[in-house]
Amino acid sequence: QVQVVESGGGLVQAGGSLRLSCAASARTFMPYAMGWFRQAPGKGREFVAAIRWNSRTTQYTDSVKGRFTISRDNVVNTVYLQMSSLKSEDTAVYYCGVRLRSDGRSGLSDGERYDSWGQGTQVTVSS
């Protein structure tokens, strides 16, 4: 029943920056984690970044380390993805996922373990 809405995508020149936002319904619920995944044309969905809600522990895919930063709001169920030094290969539809509970495994990169997804927001980086 959790609804997820992403925003902030758009067209940006290589080297530029964008800030994506993801808002989940039920502001009082406590997710285990929220994360960002992306899907480029002709490719599968790829893990980008995620954050554990309580500890704020983060995890990133190697290709975005040092360029992207994931963070969350102190109160409401909102997560952000600050993207800088964008490259053409970052072009994709970016999806926000909500993972409601832990399954005993520490990793956050498996999209199959997320419970709800937003509709996606398009990020296009021109060369």
C-alpha atoms as a PDB file:
ATOM      1  CA  GLN A   1       0.000   0.000   0.000  1.00  0.00           C
ATOM      2  CA  VAL A   2       3.053   2.248   0.137  1.00  0.00           C
ATOM      3  CA  GLN A   3       3.033   4.716  -2.713  1.00  0.00           C
ATOM      4  CA  VAL A   4       6.315   6.043  -4.049  1.00  0.00           C
ATOM      5  CA  VAL A   5       6.789   9.140  -6.184  1.00  0.00           C
ATOM      6  CA  GLU A   6      10.065  10.305  -7.716  1.00  0.00           C
ATOM      7  CA  SER A   7      10.802  13.766  -9.019  1.00  0.00           C
ATOM      8  CA  GLY A   8      13.708  15.914 -10.131  1.00  0.00           C
ATOM      9  CA  GLY A   9      14.738  14.282 -13.371  1.00  0.00           C
ATOM     10  CA  GLY A  10      15.453  16.218 -16.507  1.00  0.00           C
ATOM     11  CA  LEU A  11      17.948  17.077 -19.197  1.00  0.00           C
ATOM     12  CA  VAL A  12      21.404  18.141 -18.107  1.00  0.00           C
ATOM     13  CA  GLN A  13      24.728  18.662 -19.814  1.00  0.00           C
ATOM     14  CA  ALA A  14      27.630  16.344 -19.037  1.00  0.00           C
ATOM     15  CA  GLY A  15      29.427  17.528 -15.929  1.00  0.00           C
ATOM     16  CA  GLY A  16      26.282  19.062 -14.507  1.00  0.00           C
ATOM     17  CA  SER A  17      24.201  18.170 -11.486  1.00  0.00           C
ATOM     18  CA  LEU A  18      20.701  17.040 -10.625  1.00  0.00           C
ATOM     19  CA  ARG A  19      18.912  16.298  -7.372  1.00  0.00           C
ATOM     20  CA  LEU A  20      16.309  13.562  -7.350  1.00  0.00           C
ATOM     21  CA  SER A  21      13.672  13.260  -4.659  1.00  0.00           C
ATOM     22  CA  CYS A  22      11.572  10.298  -3.623  1.00  0.00           C
ATOM     23  CA  ALA A  23       8.565  10.583  -1.342  1.00  0.00           C
ATOM     24  CA  ALA A  24       6.803   7.579   0.141  1.00  0.00           C
ATOM     25  CA  SER A  25       3.300   7.547   1.563  1.00  0.00           C
ATOM     26  CA  ALA A  26       2.513   7.040   5.250  1.00  0.00           C
ATOM     27  CA  ARG A  27       4.976   9.472   6.767  1.00  0.00           C
ATOM     28  CA  THR A  28       4.934   7.669  10.131  1.00  0.00           C
ATOM     29  CA  PHE A  29       5.955   4.243   8.857  1.00  0.00           C
ATOM     30  CA  MET A  30       9.511   3.040   9.306  1.00  0.00           C
ATOM     31  CA  PRO A  31      11.087   1.470   6.240  1.00  0.00           C
ATOM     32  CA  TYR A  32      14.173  -0.655   6.525  1.00  0.00           C
ATOM     33  CA  ALA A  33      15.777   1.073   3.558  1.00  0.00           C
ATOM     34  CA  MET A  34      15.095   3.167   0.505  1.00  0.00           C
ATOM     35  CA  GLY A  35      17.139   3.122  -2.627  1.00  0.00           C
ATOM     36  CA  TRP A  36      17.637   4.250  -6.177  1.00  0.00           C
ATOM     37  CA  PHE A  37      17.865   1.993  -9.207  1.00  0.00           C
ATOM     38  CA  ARG A  38      18.127   2.929 -12.849  1.00  0.00           C
ATOM     39  CA  GLN A  39      17.352   1.373 -16.188  1.00  0.00           C
ATOM     40  CA  ALA A  40      18.904   2.476 -19.454  1.00  0.00           C
ATOM     41  CA  PRO A  41      17.344   1.574 -22.812  1.00  0.00           C
ATOM     42  CA  GLY A  42      17.966  -2.064 -23.643  1.00  0.00           C
ATOM     43  CA  LYS A  43      19.449  -2.823 -20.242  1.00  0.00           C
ATOM     44  CA  GLY A  44      18.211  -4.296 -17.000  1.00  0.00           C
ATOM     45  CA  ARG A  45      17.515  -2.414 -13.823  1.00  0.00           C
ATOM     46  CA  GLU A  46      20.758  -1.488 -12.073  1.00  0.00           C
ATOM     47  CA  PHE A  47      21.359  -0.667  -8.441  1.00  0.00           C
ATOM     48  CA  VAL A  48      22.624   2.876  -7.869  1.00  0.00           C
ATOM     49  CA  ALA A  49      22.464   3.787  -4.186  1.00  0.00           C
ATOM     50  CA  ALA A  50      20.554   2.969  -1.026  1.00  0.00           C
ATOM     51  CA  ILE A  51      20.306   4.072   2.569  1.00  0.00           C
ATOM     52  CA  ARG A  52      19.287   2.227   5.698  1.00  0.00           C
ATOM     53  CA  TRP A  53      16.670   4.284   7.474  1.00  0.00           C
ATOM     54  CA  ASN A  54      17.739   4.049  11.091  1.00  0.00           C
ATOM     55  CA  SER A  55      21.506   4.087  10.773  1.00  0.00           C
ATOM     56  CA  ARG A  56      21.786   6.177   7.594  1.00  0.00           C
ATOM     57  CA  THR A  57      24.311   3.647   6.366  1.00  0.00           C
ATOM     58  CA  THR A  58      24.717   4.042   2.616  1.00  0.00           C
ATOM     59  CA  GLN A  59      25.716   1.802  -0.247  1.00  0.00           C
ATOM     60  CA  TYR A  60      26.672   2.795  -3.780  1.00  0.00           C
ATOM     61  CA  THR A  61      27.456   1.061  -7.000  1.00  0.00           C
ATOM     62  CA  ASP A  62      31.072   1.591  -8.017  1.00  0.00           C
ATOM     63  CA  SER A  63      30.332   3.717 -11.062  1.00  0.00           C
ATOM     64  CA  VAL A  64      28.721   6.506  -9.020  1.00  0.00           C
ATOM     65  CA  LYS A  65      30.950   6.566  -5.942  1.00  0.00           C
ATOM     66  CA  GLY A  66      32.315  10.038  -5.357  1.00  0.00           C
ATOM     67  CA  ARG A  67      29.725  11.602  -7.656  1.00  0.00           C
ATOM     68  CA  PHE A  68      26.339  10.681  -6.163  1.00  0.00           C
ATOM     69  CA  THR A  69      25.166  11.108  -2.588  1.00  0.00           C
ATOM     70  CA  ILE A  70      22.055   9.561  -1.093  1.00  0.00           C
ATOM     71  CA  SER A  71      20.446  11.026   2.005  1.00  0.00           C
ATOM     72  CA  ARG A  72      17.123  11.051   3.790  1.00  0.00           C
ATOM     73  CA  ASP A  73      14.839  13.455   5.573  1.00  0.00           C
ATOM     74  CA  ASN A  74      14.981  13.506   9.362  1.00  0.00           C
ATOM     75  CA  VAL A  75      11.248  12.963   9.815  1.00  0.00           C
ATOM     76  CA  VAL A  76       9.281  12.197   6.668  1.00  0.00           C
ATOM     77  CA  ASN A  77       9.839   9.228   4.397  1.00  0.00           C
ATOM     78  CA  THR A  78      11.780  11.072   1.753  1.00  0.00           C
ATOM     79  CA  VAL A  79      15.096  10.187   0.182  1.00  0.00           C
ATOM     80  CA  TYR A  80      17.301  12.270  -2.089  1.00  0.00           C
ATOM     81  CA  LEU A  81      19.943  11.519  -4.659  1.00  0.00           C
ATOM     82  CA  GLN A  82      22.412  14.325  -5.257  1.00  0.00           C
ATOM     83  CA  MET A  83      24.059  13.673  -8.601  1.00  0.00           C
ATOM     84  CA  SER A  84      27.094  15.617  -9.758  1.00  0.00           C
ATOM     85  CA  SER A  85      29.677  15.276 -12.517  1.00  0.00           C
ATOM     86  CA  LEU A  86      27.042  13.575 -14.589  1.00  0.00           C
ATOM     87  CA  LYS A  87      28.102  11.505 -17.567  1.00  0.00           C
ATOM     88  CA  SER A  88      26.230  10.390 -20.646  1.00  0.00           C
ATOM     89  CA  GLU A  89      26.261   6.848 -19.309  1.00  0.00           C
ATOM     90  CA  ASP A  90      24.149   8.029 -16.371  1.00  0.00           C
ATOM     91  CA  THR A  91      21.245   8.505 -18.765  1.00  0.00           C
ATOM     92  CA  ALA A  92      18.418   6.267 -17.598  1.00  0.00           C
ATOM     93  CA  VAL A  93      15.056   6.135 -15.937  1.00  0.00           C
ATOM     94  CA  TYR A  94      15.701   6.343 -12.210  1.00  0.00           C
ATOM     95  CA  TYR A  95      13.410   4.409  -9.898  1.00  0.00           C
ATOM     96  CA  CYS A  96      12.999   4.763  -6.165  1.00  0.00           C
ATOM     97  CA  GLY A  97      12.349   1.629  -4.155  1.00  0.00           C
ATOM     98  CA  VAL A  98      11.171   1.068  -0.601  1.00  0.00           C
ATOM     99  CA  ARG A  99      12.264  -1.939   1.403  1.00  0.00           C
ATOM    100  CA  LEU A 100       9.974  -2.385   4.369  1.00  0.00           C
ATOM    101  CA  ARG A 101      11.911  -4.858   6.478  1.00  0.00           C
ATOM    102  CA  SER A 102      15.167  -6.708   6.807  1.00  0.00           C
ATOM    103  CA  ASP A 103      15.443 -10.324   5.753  1.00  0.00           C
ATOM    104  CA  GLY A 104      18.600 -10.913   7.749  1.00  0.00           C
ATOM    105  CA  ARG A 105      20.994 -10.090   4.928  1.00  0.00           C
ATOM    106  CA  SER A 106      22.992  -6.874   4.999  1.00  0.00           C
ATOM    107  CA  GLY A 107      23.146  -5.981   1.323  1.00  0.00           C
ATOM    108  CA  LEU A 108      20.905  -3.308  -0.178  1.00  0.00           C
ATOM    109  CA  SER A 109      21.603  -3.785  -3.873  1.00  0.00           C
ATOM    110  CA  ASP A 110      19.131  -6.565  -4.679  1.00  0.00           C
ATOM    111  CA  GLY A 111      16.045  -5.010  -6.219  1.00  0.00           C
ATOM    112  CA  GLU A 112      14.058  -8.187  -5.631  1.00  0.00           C
ATOM    113  CA  ARG A 113      14.059  -7.433  -1.918  1.00  0.00           C
ATOM    114  CA  TYR A 114      12.342  -4.069  -2.321  1.00  0.00           C
ATOM    115  CA  ASP A 115       8.601  -3.973  -1.768  1.00  0.00           C
ATOM    116  CA  SER A 116       7.347  -0.878  -3.568  1.00  0.00           C
ATOM    117  CA  TRP A 117       8.512   1.195  -6.516  1.00  0.00           C
ATOM    118  CA  GLY A 118       7.822   4.560  -7.993  1.00  0.00           C
ATOM    119  CA  GLN A 119       7.001   5.223 -11.616  1.00  0.00           C
ATOM    120  CA  GLY A 120      10.481   6.471 -12.429  1.00  0.00           C
ATOM    121  CA  THR A 121      11.932   9.802 -13.440  1.00  0.00           C
ATOM    122  CA  GLN A 122      13.941  10.314 -16.608  1.00  0.00           C
ATOM    123  CA  VAL A 123      17.498  11.593 -16.393  1.00  0.00           C
ATOM    124  CA  THR A 124      19.111  12.488 -19.691  1.00  0.00           C
ATOM    125  CA  VAL A 125      22.728  13.637 -19.845  1.00  0.00           C
ATOM    126  CA  SER A 126      23.930  15.184 -23.074  1.00  0.00           C
ATOM    127  CA  SER A 127      27.539  14.746 -24.143  1.00  0.00           C
END
